[in-house]
Protein backbone atom coordinates (compact mmCIF):
# COMPACT_ATOMS: atom_id res chain seq x y z
CA UNK A 1 -11.51 -21.12 -1.53
CA UNK A 2 -7.86 -20.69 -0.66
CA UNK A 3 -7.78 -17.37 -2.50
CA UNK A 4 -10.52 -16.05 -0.21
CA UNK A 5 -8.33 -16.72 2.83
CA UNK A 6 -5.24 -15.30 1.16
CA UNK A 7 -7.13 -12.20 0.03
CA UNK A 8 -8.51 -11.61 3.52
CA UNK A 9 -4.97 -11.87 4.95
CA UNK A 10 -3.85 -9.43 2.26
CA UNK A 11 -6.62 -7.09 3.43
CA UNK A 12 -5.19 -7.21 6.95
CA UNK A 13 -1.77 -6.35 5.54
CA UNK A 14 -3.24 -3.38 3.68
CA UNK A 15 -4.94 -2.18 6.87
CA UNK A 16 -1.58 -2.39 8.63
CA UNK A 17 0.10 -0.36 5.90
CA UNK A 18 -2.73 2.19 6.03
CA UNK A 19 -2.25 2.53 9.80
CA UNK A 20 1.51 2.83 9.37
CA UNK A 21 1.01 5.60 6.82
CA UNK A 22 -1.42 7.48 9.08
CA UNK A 23 1.00 7.22 11.99
CA UNK A 24 4.14 8.35 10.15
CA UNK A 25 2.91 10.61 7.33
CA UNK A 26 3.94 13.82 9.07
CA UNK A 27 7.45 12.55 9.81
CA UNK A 28 8.30 9.25 8.12
CA UNK A 29 11.25 7.21 9.37
CA UNK A 30 14.30 8.00 7.26
CA UNK A 31 17.34 6.00 6.31
CA UNK A 32 20.53 7.25 7.91
CA UNK A 33 22.18 10.18 6.10
CA UNK A 34 19.37 10.46 3.54
CA UNK A 35 17.96 13.87 2.61
CA UNK A 36 14.46 14.46 3.95
CA UNK A 37 12.70 14.75 0.59
CA UNK A 38 14.36 11.66 -0.86
CA UNK A 39 13.66 9.76 2.35
CA UNK A 40 9.97 10.67 2.28
CA UNK A 41 9.64 9.56 -1.34
CA UNK A 42 11.52 6.33 -0.66
CA UNK A 43 9.28 5.57 2.32
CA UNK A 44 6.10 6.13 0.29
CA UNK A 45 7.37 3.96 -2.55
CA UNK A 46 8.33 1.22 -0.11
CA UNK A 47 4.82 1.16 1.35
CA UNK A 48 3.29 1.07 -2.13
CA UNK A 49 5.50 -1.81 -3.25
CA UNK A 50 4.46 -3.75 -0.14
CA UNK A 51 0.86 -3.75 -1.38
CA UNK A 52 1.56 -3.80 -5.13
CA UNK A 53 3.64 -6.99 -5.31
CA UNK A 54 1.00 -9.34 -3.86
CA UNK A 55 -1.81 -7.72 -5.89
CA UNK A 56 0.03 -8.37 -9.14
CA UNK A 57 0.24 -12.09 -8.32
CA UNK A 58 -3.51 -12.62 -7.94
CA UNK A 59 -5.30 -13.86 -11.07
CA UNK A 60 -7.70 -11.40 -12.72
CA UNK A 61 -10.71 -13.66 -12.06
CA UNK A 62 -10.02 -13.47 -8.33
CA UNK A 63 -9.66 -9.69 -8.41
CA UNK A 64 -13.02 -9.31 -10.17
CA UNK A 65 -14.94 -11.42 -7.66
CA UNK A 66 -17.68 -9.54 -5.83
CA UNK A 67 -16.46 -10.52 -2.36
CA UNK A 68 -13.02 -9.04 -3.05
CA UNK A 69 -14.23 -5.59 -4.13
CA UNK A 70 -13.62 -4.00 -0.71
CA UNK A 71 -9.98 -5.12 -0.84
CA UNK A 72 -9.56 -3.79 -4.38
CA UNK A 73 -11.11 -0.49 -3.32
CA UNK A 74 -8.77 -0.26 -0.31
CA UNK A 75 -5.80 -1.05 -2.56
CA UNK A 76 -6.79 1.76 -4.93
CA UNK A 77 -7.30 4.27 -2.11
CA UNK A 78 -3.96 3.46 -0.48
CA UNK A 79 -2.18 3.57 -3.84
CA UNK A 80 -3.70 6.94 -4.67
CA UNK A 81 -2.85 8.34 -1.24
CA UNK A 82 0.77 7.17 -1.43
CA UNK A 83 1.15 8.54 -4.95
CA UNK A 84 -0.19 11.94 -3.87
CA UNK A 85 2.15 11.89 -0.86
CA UNK A 86 5.07 11.25 -3.23
CA UNK A 87 3.96 14.01 -5.61
CA UNK A 88 3.94 16.52 -2.74
CA UNK A 89 7.72 16.16 -2.52
CA UNK A 90 8.52 16.25 -6.24
């Protein structure tokens, strides 16, 4: 039961990160004195790590539950999008 609540809160966090990506993808915020390409890659990796860390902590049984499939799908879509964004600059 508690995992359902935690996973739904995690879904809200992923929606926030998705919105942040959509807002800043054309000109991400950069760290002071950082080259543009390196700053874009760092920003994309930071967003990915914000969703990756919590996902790794959930047990596999919880991830495979039917009611959590939309969150897993969103995680995969965001991860793929951020990886492609990073590849654009490599």
